[in-house]
Amino acid sequence: MPKPDPLTCFADALIEAVIDREGRYVNHGADRGGATCWGITEAVARAEGYAGAMSALSRETAASIYRRLYWHHPLFDQVALRAPQIAAELFDTGVNMGTAVATGFLQRALNAPNRAARDYPDIAVDRAIGPRTLSALDGFLRTRGAAGETVLLRAMEALQGERYIALAERRPSQEAFLYGWLANRIGDG
């Protein structure tokens, strides 16, 4: 029997954890995402071809959607080869805020500490991972060493936390979710 691929096992663990955290069917009136099951919104489920009742969405279908749309498609799997903590954060933030938003946090966090592009070139904050973003991540990790991944993670979480607070300030209905976002999505939550 072939040995399981470590990257696949890593992704599976992230997916199972987010499904456990998100839970079964929810339809909170203040949630702009509407009805969700296992954290998958109805709009995403329908776009992926699911036609059943949201309350009946299987865990396996949710896992497949997460793997495809929130891990492989945004190239978070490629980030995991370089920086697993960063990939895990991208995945979790991508599930909660969208993969483009998560990627934008990474790109901004890479540009800011590159010492005026002396360590590696600035990259466009185009909210898509491609060769330049991966090269900048490689340059950051090469320059900053093992501790760099932790510092980069903190920068991304700072951006995420600011966005949550701004959302609650702009839309008071979102205050219902702010405490949970900060408790469960920032840091070791």
N, C-alpha and C. Protein backbone atom coordinates (compact mmCIF):
# COMPACT_ATOMS: atom_id res chain seq x y z
N MET A 1 0.85 -1.18 0.00
CA MET A 1 0.00 0.00 0.00
C MET A 1 0.89 1.24 0.00
N PRO A 2 0.64 2.18 -0.92
CA PRO A 2 1.49 3.38 -0.99
C PRO A 2 1.29 4.27 0.24
N LYS A 3 2.38 4.90 0.62
CA LYS A 3 2.37 5.83 1.76
C LYS A 3 1.61 7.09 1.34
N PRO A 4 0.72 7.61 2.23
CA PRO A 4 -0.02 8.83 1.88
C PRO A 4 0.91 10.02 1.68
N ASP A 5 0.57 10.86 0.73
CA ASP A 5 1.32 12.08 0.46
C ASP A 5 1.17 13.04 1.64
N PRO A 6 2.28 13.53 2.21
CA PRO A 6 2.18 14.44 3.37
C PRO A 6 1.38 15.71 3.08
N LEU A 7 1.52 16.25 1.87
CA LEU A 7 0.78 17.47 1.53
C LEU A 7 -0.72 17.21 1.49
N THR A 8 -1.11 16.06 0.97
CA THR A 8 -2.53 15.69 0.94
C THR A 8 -3.05 15.50 2.36
N CYS A 9 -2.28 14.84 3.20
CA CYS A 9 -2.67 14.64 4.60
C CYS A 9 -2.82 15.99 5.32
N PHE A 10 -1.91 16.91 5.03
CA PHE A 10 -1.96 18.25 5.63
C PHE A 10 -3.25 18.95 5.20
N ALA A 11 -3.55 18.93 3.91
CA ALA A 11 -4.76 19.57 3.40
C ALA A 11 -6.00 18.92 3.98
N ASP A 12 -6.02 17.59 4.04
CA ASP A 12 -7.17 16.89 4.61
C ASP A 12 -7.41 17.31 6.06
N ALA A 13 -6.34 17.45 6.83
CA ALA A 13 -6.48 17.86 8.23
C ALA A 13 -7.04 19.27 8.33
N LEU A 14 -6.58 20.18 7.48
CA LEU A 14 -7.11 21.55 7.48
C LEU A 14 -8.59 21.56 7.12
N ILE A 15 -8.94 20.78 6.11
CA ILE A 15 -10.33 20.72 5.65
C ILE A 15 -11.24 20.15 6.74
N GLU A 16 -10.81 19.06 7.36
CA GLU A 16 -11.62 18.45 8.43
C GLU A 16 -11.78 19.42 9.60
N ALA A 17 -10.73 20.14 9.93
CA ALA A 17 -10.81 21.10 11.05
C ALA A 17 -11.79 22.22 10.75
N VAL A 18 -11.77 22.74 9.52
CA VAL A 18 -12.69 23.84 9.20
C VAL A 18 -14.13 23.33 9.15
N ILE A 19 -14.34 22.13 8.65
CA ILE A 19 -15.68 21.56 8.63
C ILE A 19 -16.20 21.37 10.06
N ASP A 20 -15.35 20.85 10.94
CA ASP A 20 -15.75 20.69 12.34
C ASP A 20 -16.09 22.03 12.98
N ARG A 21 -15.28 23.04 12.69
CA ARG A 21 -15.50 24.37 13.29
C ARG A 21 -16.77 25.03 12.73
N GLU A 22 -16.99 24.89 11.44
CA GLU A 22 -18.14 25.53 10.81
C GLU A 22 -19.46 24.85 11.16
N GLY A 23 -19.43 23.53 11.33
CA GLY A 23 -20.64 22.80 11.74
C GLY A 23 -21.66 22.62 10.63
N ARG A 24 -22.76 22.05 11.01
CA ARG A 24 -23.82 21.70 10.06
C ARG A 24 -24.56 22.94 9.55
N TYR A 25 -25.78 22.76 9.20
CA TYR A 25 -26.61 23.78 8.57
C TYR A 25 -26.85 24.97 9.49
N VAL A 26 -26.65 26.17 8.94
CA VAL A 26 -26.92 27.43 9.65
C VAL A 26 -27.52 28.40 8.63
N ASN A 27 -28.50 29.17 9.09
CA ASN A 27 -29.07 30.23 8.25
C ASN A 27 -29.36 31.43 9.14
N HIS A 28 -28.30 32.14 9.53
CA HIS A 28 -28.38 33.30 10.42
C HIS A 28 -28.79 34.52 9.60
N GLY A 29 -29.81 35.21 10.05
CA GLY A 29 -30.34 36.36 9.30
C GLY A 29 -29.33 37.46 9.03
N ALA A 30 -28.36 37.64 9.91
CA ALA A 30 -27.37 38.70 9.71
C ALA A 30 -26.18 38.26 8.86
N ASP A 31 -26.11 36.98 8.54
CA ASP A 31 -24.98 36.48 7.74
C ASP A 31 -25.25 36.76 6.27
N ARG A 32 -24.44 37.60 5.69
CA ARG A 32 -24.62 37.98 4.28
C ARG A 32 -24.42 36.79 3.34
N GLY A 33 -23.77 35.74 3.82
CA GLY A 33 -23.57 34.54 3.01
C GLY A 33 -24.82 33.69 2.91
N GLY A 34 -25.82 33.97 3.74
CA GLY A 34 -27.06 33.21 3.70
C GLY A 34 -26.89 31.82 4.28
N ALA A 35 -27.69 30.90 3.79
CA ALA A 35 -27.66 29.52 4.29
C ALA A 35 -26.31 28.88 4.00
N THR A 36 -25.78 28.20 5.01
CA THR A 36 -24.52 27.47 4.86
C THR A 36 -24.66 26.09 5.49
N CYS A 37 -23.85 25.17 5.01
CA CYS A 37 -23.75 23.87 5.63
C CYS A 37 -22.28 23.46 5.56
N TRP A 38 -21.72 23.11 6.71
CA TRP A 38 -20.29 22.81 6.82
C TRP A 38 -19.44 24.01 6.41
N GLY A 39 -20.03 25.22 6.46
CA GLY A 39 -19.31 26.43 6.08
C GLY A 39 -19.40 26.76 4.60
N ILE A 40 -20.03 25.91 3.81
CA ILE A 40 -20.19 26.15 2.37
C ILE A 40 -21.48 26.94 2.16
N THR A 41 -21.38 28.11 1.52
CA THR A 41 -22.58 28.91 1.28
C THR A 41 -23.41 28.28 0.16
N GLU A 42 -24.67 28.62 0.16
CA GLU A 42 -25.56 28.10 -0.87
C GLU A 42 -25.10 28.54 -2.26
N ALA A 43 -24.64 29.78 -2.39
CA ALA A 43 -24.18 30.27 -3.69
C ALA A 43 -23.00 29.43 -4.20
N VAL A 44 -22.05 29.12 -3.33
CA VAL A 44 -20.90 28.31 -3.72
C VAL A 44 -21.35 26.89 -4.08
N ALA A 45 -22.22 26.31 -3.25
CA ALA A 45 -22.70 24.95 -3.52
C ALA A 45 -23.40 24.87 -4.87
N ARG A 46 -24.25 25.85 -5.15
CA ARG A 46 -24.98 25.86 -6.44
C ARG A 46 -24.00 26.03 -7.60
N ALA A 47 -23.03 26.93 -7.45
CA ALA A 47 -22.04 27.14 -8.51
C ALA A 47 -21.23 25.88 -8.78
N GLU A 48 -21.10 25.03 -7.77
CA GLU A 48 -20.36 23.78 -7.91
C GLU A 48 -21.26 22.61 -8.32
N GLY A 49 -22.52 22.91 -8.65
CA GLY A 49 -23.42 21.88 -9.18
C GLY A 49 -24.29 21.18 -8.17
N TYR A 50 -24.22 21.58 -6.91
CA TYR A 50 -25.07 20.94 -5.90
C TYR A 50 -26.47 21.52 -6.01
N ALA A 51 -27.47 20.65 -6.16
CA ALA A 51 -28.85 21.11 -6.38
C ALA A 51 -29.77 20.78 -5.21
N GLY A 52 -29.31 20.05 -4.22
CA GLY A 52 -30.16 19.63 -3.11
C GLY A 52 -30.38 20.71 -2.08
N ALA A 53 -31.10 20.32 -1.03
CA ALA A 53 -31.33 21.21 0.10
C ALA A 53 -29.99 21.46 0.80
N MET A 54 -29.75 22.67 1.19
CA MET A 54 -28.48 22.99 1.86
C MET A 54 -28.33 22.18 3.16
N SER A 55 -29.41 21.94 3.85
CA SER A 55 -29.33 21.19 5.09
C SER A 55 -28.91 19.73 4.86
N ALA A 56 -28.97 19.27 3.61
CA ALA A 56 -28.59 17.89 3.28
C ALA A 56 -27.22 17.78 2.62
N LEU A 57 -26.50 18.89 2.48
CA LEU A 57 -25.17 18.85 1.87
C LEU A 57 -24.29 17.90 2.67
N SER A 58 -23.69 16.94 2.00
CA SER A 58 -22.88 15.96 2.73
C SER A 58 -21.52 16.56 3.10
N ARG A 59 -20.96 16.01 4.14
CA ARG A 59 -19.62 16.40 4.59
C ARG A 59 -18.62 16.13 3.48
N GLU A 60 -18.78 15.04 2.76
CA GLU A 60 -17.86 14.67 1.68
C GLU A 60 -17.93 15.68 0.53
N THR A 61 -19.13 16.14 0.21
CA THR A 61 -19.28 17.15 -0.84
C THR A 61 -18.62 18.45 -0.41
N ALA A 62 -18.84 18.82 0.84
CA ALA A 62 -18.20 20.04 1.37
C ALA A 62 -16.69 19.92 1.30
N ALA A 63 -16.14 18.77 1.70
CA ALA A 63 -14.69 18.56 1.67
C ALA A 63 -14.16 18.67 0.26
N SER A 64 -14.87 18.12 -0.69
CA SER A 64 -14.45 18.19 -2.09
C SER A 64 -14.43 19.64 -2.59
N ILE A 65 -15.43 20.41 -2.21
CA ILE A 65 -15.49 21.83 -2.59
C ILE A 65 -14.33 22.59 -1.95
N TYR A 66 -14.10 22.34 -0.67
CA TYR A 66 -12.98 23.01 0.00
C TYR A 66 -11.65 22.67 -0.69
N ARG A 67 -11.45 21.42 -0.98
CA ARG A 67 -10.18 20.98 -1.59
C ARG A 67 -9.97 21.67 -2.95
N ARG A 68 -11.01 21.71 -3.74
CA ARG A 68 -10.91 22.27 -5.09
C ARG A 68 -10.83 23.80 -5.08
N LEU A 69 -11.79 24.44 -4.41
CA LEU A 69 -11.91 25.90 -4.50
C LEU A 69 -11.05 26.68 -3.51
N TYR A 70 -10.74 26.09 -2.39
CA TYR A 70 -10.05 26.82 -1.33
C TYR A 70 -8.64 26.30 -1.04
N TRP A 71 -8.20 25.28 -1.79
CA TRP A 71 -6.85 24.74 -1.60
C TRP A 71 -6.09 24.69 -2.92
N HIS A 72 -6.59 23.91 -3.87
CA HIS A 72 -5.87 23.75 -5.13
C HIS A 72 -6.01 24.96 -6.07
N HIS A 73 -7.23 25.41 -6.31
CA HIS A 73 -7.44 26.50 -7.27
C HIS A 73 -6.66 27.78 -6.94
N PRO A 74 -6.65 28.23 -5.67
CA PRO A 74 -5.87 29.45 -5.37
C PRO A 74 -4.37 29.20 -5.18
N LEU A 75 -3.94 27.95 -5.38
CA LEU A 75 -2.53 27.55 -5.27
C LEU A 75 -1.99 27.60 -3.85
N PHE A 76 -2.87 27.46 -2.86
CA PHE A 76 -2.40 27.40 -1.48
C PHE A 76 -1.57 26.14 -1.26
N ASP A 77 -1.82 25.10 -2.06
CA ASP A 77 -0.99 23.90 -1.97
C ASP A 77 0.46 24.20 -2.33
N GLN A 78 0.69 25.13 -3.25
CA GLN A 78 2.06 25.52 -3.61
C GLN A 78 2.72 26.31 -2.50
N VAL A 79 1.94 27.11 -1.79
CA VAL A 79 2.46 27.84 -0.63
C VAL A 79 2.84 26.85 0.47
N ALA A 80 2.05 25.80 0.65
CA ALA A 80 2.30 24.81 1.70
C ALA A 80 3.64 24.10 1.52
N LEU A 81 4.08 23.97 0.29
CA LEU A 81 5.39 23.36 0.05
C LEU A 81 6.52 24.21 0.62
N ARG A 82 6.29 25.51 0.77
CA ARG A 82 7.29 26.45 1.23
C ARG A 82 7.09 26.85 2.69
N ALA A 83 5.83 27.07 3.07
CA ALA A 83 5.50 27.64 4.38
C ALA A 83 4.14 27.10 4.84
N PRO A 84 4.12 25.95 5.50
CA PRO A 84 2.85 25.34 5.89
C PRO A 84 1.96 26.22 6.76
N GLN A 85 2.55 26.96 7.70
CA GLN A 85 1.73 27.84 8.56
C GLN A 85 1.02 28.90 7.73
N ILE A 86 1.71 29.44 6.75
CA ILE A 86 1.13 30.47 5.88
C ILE A 86 0.01 29.86 5.04
N ALA A 87 0.23 28.67 4.52
CA ALA A 87 -0.80 28.00 3.72
C ALA A 87 -2.05 27.72 4.57
N ALA A 88 -1.84 27.29 5.80
CA ALA A 88 -2.98 27.03 6.68
C ALA A 88 -3.76 28.30 6.94
N GLU A 89 -3.06 29.41 7.15
CA GLU A 89 -3.72 30.69 7.37
C GLU A 89 -4.45 31.15 6.11
N LEU A 90 -3.83 31.00 4.96
CA LEU A 90 -4.49 31.36 3.71
C LEU A 90 -5.78 30.57 3.52
N PHE A 91 -5.71 29.28 3.79
CA PHE A 91 -6.89 28.43 3.65
C PHE A 91 -8.00 28.90 4.58
N ASP A 92 -7.70 29.06 5.86
CA ASP A 92 -8.72 29.45 6.83
C ASP A 92 -9.31 30.83 6.51
N THR A 93 -8.44 31.78 6.21
CA THR A 93 -8.92 33.11 5.85
C THR A 93 -9.70 33.07 4.55
N GLY A 94 -9.23 32.28 3.60
CA GLY A 94 -9.93 32.13 2.32
C GLY A 94 -11.33 31.60 2.49
N VAL A 95 -11.50 30.65 3.39
CA VAL A 95 -12.83 30.09 3.66
C VAL A 95 -13.73 31.18 4.24
N ASN A 96 -13.20 32.00 5.12
CA ASN A 96 -14.01 32.99 5.83
C ASN A 96 -14.20 34.29 5.06
N MET A 97 -13.19 34.72 4.29
CA MET A 97 -13.24 36.03 3.64
C MET A 97 -13.11 35.95 2.12
N GLY A 98 -12.79 34.80 1.60
CA GLY A 98 -12.53 34.64 0.18
C GLY A 98 -11.04 34.48 -0.08
N THR A 99 -10.70 33.63 -1.02
CA THR A 99 -9.29 33.34 -1.28
C THR A 99 -8.54 34.55 -1.84
N ALA A 100 -9.23 35.41 -2.58
CA ALA A 100 -8.57 36.61 -3.12
C ALA A 100 -8.17 37.55 -1.99
N VAL A 101 -9.04 37.71 -1.01
CA VAL A 101 -8.73 38.57 0.15
C VAL A 101 -7.54 37.99 0.90
N ALA A 102 -7.56 36.69 1.16
CA ALA A 102 -6.46 36.04 1.87
C ALA A 102 -5.14 36.24 1.12
N THR A 103 -5.17 36.05 -0.18
CA THR A 103 -3.96 36.21 -0.99
C THR A 103 -3.48 37.65 -0.96
N GLY A 104 -4.40 38.60 -0.98
CA GLY A 104 -4.02 40.01 -0.88
C GLY A 104 -3.30 40.30 0.42
N PHE A 105 -3.76 39.68 1.52
CA PHE A 105 -3.07 39.85 2.81
C PHE A 105 -1.63 39.34 2.70
N LEU A 106 -1.44 38.18 2.09
CA LEU A 106 -0.09 37.63 1.92
C LEU A 106 0.77 38.57 1.09
N GLN A 107 0.24 39.04 -0.01
CA GLN A 107 1.03 39.91 -0.90
C GLN A 107 1.41 41.21 -0.21
N ARG A 108 0.48 41.81 0.51
CA ARG A 108 0.80 43.04 1.24
C ARG A 108 1.84 42.77 2.32
N ALA A 109 1.69 41.63 3.03
CA ALA A 109 2.63 41.29 4.09
C ALA A 109 4.02 40.97 3.54
N LEU A 110 4.10 40.52 2.30
CA LEU A 110 5.41 40.28 1.68
C LEU A 110 6.06 41.59 1.20
N ASN A 111 5.28 42.51 0.69
CA ASN A 111 5.83 43.76 0.17
C ASN A 111 6.38 44.66 1.27
N ALA A 112 5.69 44.74 2.38
CA ALA A 112 6.05 45.70 3.41
C ALA A 112 7.45 45.47 4.02
N PRO A 113 7.87 44.24 4.30
CA PRO A 113 9.18 44.06 4.97
C PRO A 113 10.35 43.74 4.04
N ASN A 114 10.23 44.03 2.75
CA ASN A 114 11.31 43.65 1.83
C ASN A 114 12.41 44.71 1.73
N ARG A 115 12.40 45.66 2.64
CA ARG A 115 13.43 46.70 2.74
C ARG A 115 13.63 47.41 1.41
N ALA A 116 12.52 48.03 0.97
CA ALA A 116 12.53 48.82 -0.28
C ALA A 116 13.02 47.99 -1.46
N ALA A 117 12.55 46.74 -1.51
CA ALA A 117 12.85 45.80 -2.61
C ALA A 117 14.31 45.38 -2.66
N ARG A 118 15.06 45.59 -1.59
CA ARG A 118 16.45 45.11 -1.56
C ARG A 118 16.52 43.60 -1.37
N ASP A 119 15.58 43.04 -0.61
CA ASP A 119 15.60 41.60 -0.34
C ASP A 119 15.01 40.78 -1.49
N TYR A 120 13.98 41.30 -2.09
CA TYR A 120 13.30 40.68 -3.24
C TYR A 120 12.36 41.74 -3.79
N PRO A 121 11.98 41.62 -5.06
CA PRO A 121 11.15 42.67 -5.68
C PRO A 121 9.75 42.75 -5.08
N ASP A 122 9.20 43.96 -5.09
CA ASP A 122 7.79 44.14 -4.77
C ASP A 122 6.96 43.35 -5.77
N ILE A 123 5.78 42.96 -5.34
CA ILE A 123 4.86 42.26 -6.23
C ILE A 123 3.54 43.02 -6.27
N ALA A 124 2.81 42.84 -7.35
CA ALA A 124 1.49 43.46 -7.45
C ALA A 124 0.56 42.78 -6.45
N VAL A 125 -0.27 43.58 -5.82
CA VAL A 125 -1.30 43.02 -4.94
C VAL A 125 -2.52 42.77 -5.83
N ASP A 126 -2.39 41.70 -6.61
CA ASP A 126 -3.44 41.35 -7.57
C ASP A 126 -4.38 40.28 -7.04
N ARG A 127 -4.12 39.83 -5.80
CA ARG A 127 -4.97 38.88 -5.08
C ARG A 127 -5.03 37.50 -5.75
N ALA A 128 -3.94 37.15 -6.48
CA ALA A 128 -3.83 35.84 -7.11
C ALA A 128 -2.40 35.34 -6.94
N ILE A 129 -2.25 34.11 -6.51
CA ILE A 129 -0.91 33.54 -6.35
C ILE A 129 -0.42 33.05 -7.71
N GLY A 130 0.77 33.50 -8.05
CA GLY A 130 1.42 33.09 -9.28
C GLY A 130 2.91 33.04 -9.04
N PRO A 131 3.69 32.94 -10.10
CA PRO A 131 5.14 32.81 -9.95
C PRO A 131 5.79 33.94 -9.17
N ARG A 132 5.33 35.18 -9.34
CA ARG A 132 5.96 36.31 -8.65
C ARG A 132 5.69 36.27 -7.14
N THR A 133 4.45 35.91 -6.77
CA THR A 133 4.14 35.81 -5.35
C THR A 133 4.95 34.69 -4.71
N LEU A 134 5.03 33.54 -5.38
CA LEU A 134 5.81 32.43 -4.85
C LEU A 134 7.29 32.77 -4.76
N SER A 135 7.79 33.51 -5.74
CA SER A 135 9.18 33.94 -5.72
C SER A 135 9.44 34.91 -4.56
N ALA A 136 8.49 35.82 -4.34
CA ALA A 136 8.63 36.76 -3.22
C ALA A 136 8.60 36.01 -1.89
N LEU A 137 7.73 35.02 -1.78
CA LEU A 137 7.69 34.21 -0.55
C LEU A 137 9.01 33.49 -0.36
N ASP A 138 9.54 32.92 -1.43
CA ASP A 138 10.86 32.26 -1.35
C ASP A 138 11.93 33.25 -0.90
N GLY A 139 11.91 34.46 -1.47
CA GLY A 139 12.89 35.49 -1.09
C GLY A 139 12.75 35.91 0.36
N PHE A 140 11.51 36.06 0.81
CA PHE A 140 11.27 36.41 2.21
C PHE A 140 11.83 35.34 3.13
N LEU A 141 11.48 34.08 2.86
CA LEU A 141 11.91 32.99 3.72
C LEU A 141 13.43 32.80 3.69
N ARG A 142 14.02 33.01 2.54
CA ARG A 142 15.48 32.91 2.42
C ARG A 142 16.15 34.01 3.25
N THR A 143 15.60 35.21 3.19
CA THR A 143 16.17 36.35 3.90
C THR A 143 15.93 36.28 5.40
N ARG A 144 14.73 35.90 5.79
CA ARG A 144 14.33 35.97 7.20
C ARG A 144 14.50 34.66 7.97
N GLY A 145 14.72 33.56 7.27
CA GLY A 145 14.96 32.29 7.95
C GLY A 145 13.70 31.70 8.57
N ALA A 146 13.91 30.74 9.45
CA ALA A 146 12.81 29.98 10.04
C ALA A 146 11.82 30.86 10.80
N ALA A 147 12.30 31.88 11.50
CA ALA A 147 11.41 32.75 12.26
C ALA A 147 10.55 33.62 11.34
N GLY A 148 10.95 33.77 10.10
CA GLY A 148 10.22 34.62 9.17
C GLY A 148 8.79 34.17 8.95
N GLU A 149 8.56 32.87 8.91
CA GLU A 149 7.20 32.38 8.69
C GLU A 149 6.25 32.84 9.79
N THR A 150 6.72 32.83 11.03
CA THR A 150 5.90 33.27 12.15
C THR A 150 5.61 34.77 12.06
N VAL A 151 6.60 35.55 11.70
CA VAL A 151 6.41 37.00 11.57
C VAL A 151 5.45 37.32 10.42
N LEU A 152 5.59 36.63 9.30
CA LEU A 152 4.70 36.82 8.16
C LEU A 152 3.27 36.46 8.55
N LEU A 153 3.11 35.39 9.29
CA LEU A 153 1.79 34.98 9.78
C LEU A 153 1.16 36.07 10.64
N ARG A 154 1.96 36.65 11.53
CA ARG A 154 1.45 37.74 12.39
C ARG A 154 1.00 38.94 11.55
N ALA A 155 1.75 39.27 10.53
CA ALA A 155 1.38 40.40 9.66
C ALA A 155 0.05 40.13 8.96
N MET A 156 -0.10 38.91 8.45
CA MET A 156 -1.35 38.56 7.78
C MET A 156 -2.53 38.60 8.75
N GLU A 157 -2.34 38.10 9.96
CA GLU A 157 -3.41 38.12 10.95
C GLU A 157 -3.76 39.54 11.39
N ALA A 158 -2.77 40.42 11.44
CA ALA A 158 -3.04 41.82 11.77
C ALA A 158 -3.96 42.44 10.71
N LEU A 159 -3.67 42.17 9.45
CA LEU A 159 -4.51 42.67 8.36
C LEU A 159 -5.92 42.09 8.45
N GLN A 160 -6.01 40.82 8.76
CA GLN A 160 -7.30 40.16 8.89
C GLN A 160 -8.11 40.76 10.04
N GLY A 161 -7.47 40.93 11.19
CA GLY A 161 -8.16 41.50 12.34
C GLY A 161 -8.67 42.91 12.07
N GLU A 162 -7.86 43.70 11.40
CA GLU A 162 -8.29 45.06 11.05
C GLU A 162 -9.51 45.01 10.14
N ARG A 163 -9.53 44.08 9.22
CA ARG A 163 -10.67 43.97 8.30
C ARG A 163 -11.94 43.57 9.05
N TYR A 164 -11.83 42.65 10.00
CA TYR A 164 -13.00 42.26 10.78
C TYR A 164 -13.58 43.45 11.54
N ILE A 165 -12.71 44.21 12.19
CA ILE A 165 -13.18 45.37 12.96
C ILE A 165 -13.81 46.40 12.03
N ALA A 166 -13.19 46.66 10.89
CA ALA A 166 -13.75 47.61 9.92
C ALA A 166 -15.11 47.14 9.42
N LEU A 167 -15.27 45.84 9.18
CA LEU A 167 -16.57 45.30 8.74
C LEU A 167 -17.64 45.58 9.79
N ALA A 168 -17.32 45.32 11.06
CA ALA A 168 -18.29 45.54 12.13
C ALA A 168 -18.60 47.02 12.29
N GLU A 169 -17.61 47.88 12.08
CA GLU A 169 -17.85 49.33 12.18
C GLU A 169 -18.74 49.81 11.04
N ARG A 170 -18.54 49.29 9.85
CA ARG A 170 -19.33 49.71 8.69
C ARG A 170 -20.74 49.14 8.69
N ARG A 171 -20.88 47.92 9.17
CA ARG A 171 -22.17 47.23 9.16
C ARG A 171 -22.45 46.70 10.56
N PRO A 172 -23.19 47.45 11.37
CA PRO A 172 -23.45 47.01 12.74
C PRO A 172 -24.04 45.60 12.85
N SER A 173 -24.73 45.11 11.82
CA SER A 173 -25.27 43.75 11.88
C SER A 173 -24.15 42.71 11.98
N GLN A 174 -22.95 43.07 11.52
CA GLN A 174 -21.82 42.14 11.57
C GLN A 174 -21.17 42.05 12.94
N GLU A 175 -21.56 42.96 13.85
CA GLU A 175 -21.05 42.90 15.21
C GLU A 175 -21.42 41.57 15.87
N ALA A 176 -22.51 40.95 15.40
CA ALA A 176 -22.93 39.66 15.95
C ALA A 176 -21.87 38.59 15.75
N PHE A 177 -21.00 38.78 14.77
CA PHE A 177 -19.98 37.77 14.45
C PHE A 177 -18.58 38.16 14.87
N LEU A 178 -18.36 39.43 15.24
CA LEU A 178 -17.00 39.93 15.48
C LEU A 178 -16.27 39.15 16.57
N TYR A 179 -16.91 38.94 17.69
CA TYR A 179 -16.22 38.25 18.78
C TYR A 179 -15.76 36.86 18.32
N GLY A 180 -16.62 36.12 17.67
CA GLY A 180 -16.27 34.79 17.18
C GLY A 180 -15.15 34.82 16.15
N TRP A 181 -15.20 35.80 15.26
CA TRP A 181 -14.12 35.93 14.26
C TRP A 181 -12.77 36.14 14.95
N LEU A 182 -12.75 37.06 15.90
CA LEU A 182 -11.49 37.35 16.59
C LEU A 182 -11.05 36.17 17.46
N ALA A 183 -12.00 35.49 18.08
CA ALA A 183 -11.67 34.36 18.95
C ALA A 183 -11.20 33.13 18.16
N ASN A 184 -11.81 32.91 17.01
CA ASN A 184 -11.58 31.65 16.28
C ASN A 184 -10.76 31.76 15.02
N ARG A 185 -10.54 32.97 14.51
CA ARG A 185 -9.85 33.12 13.23
C ARG A 185 -8.49 33.82 13.35
N ILE A 186 -8.22 34.42 14.49
CA ILE A 186 -6.96 35.13 14.68
C ILE A 186 -6.13 34.40 15.73
N GLY A 187 -4.84 34.25 15.47
CA GLY A 187 -3.97 33.59 16.43
C GLY A 187 -4.22 32.10 16.48
N ASP A 188 -4.09 31.54 17.65
CA ASP A 188 -4.22 30.09 17.81
C ASP A 188 -5.65 29.64 17.98
N GLY A 189 -6.63 30.56 17.83
CA GLY A 189 -8.04 30.28 18.03
C GLY A 189 -8.62 29.10 17.43
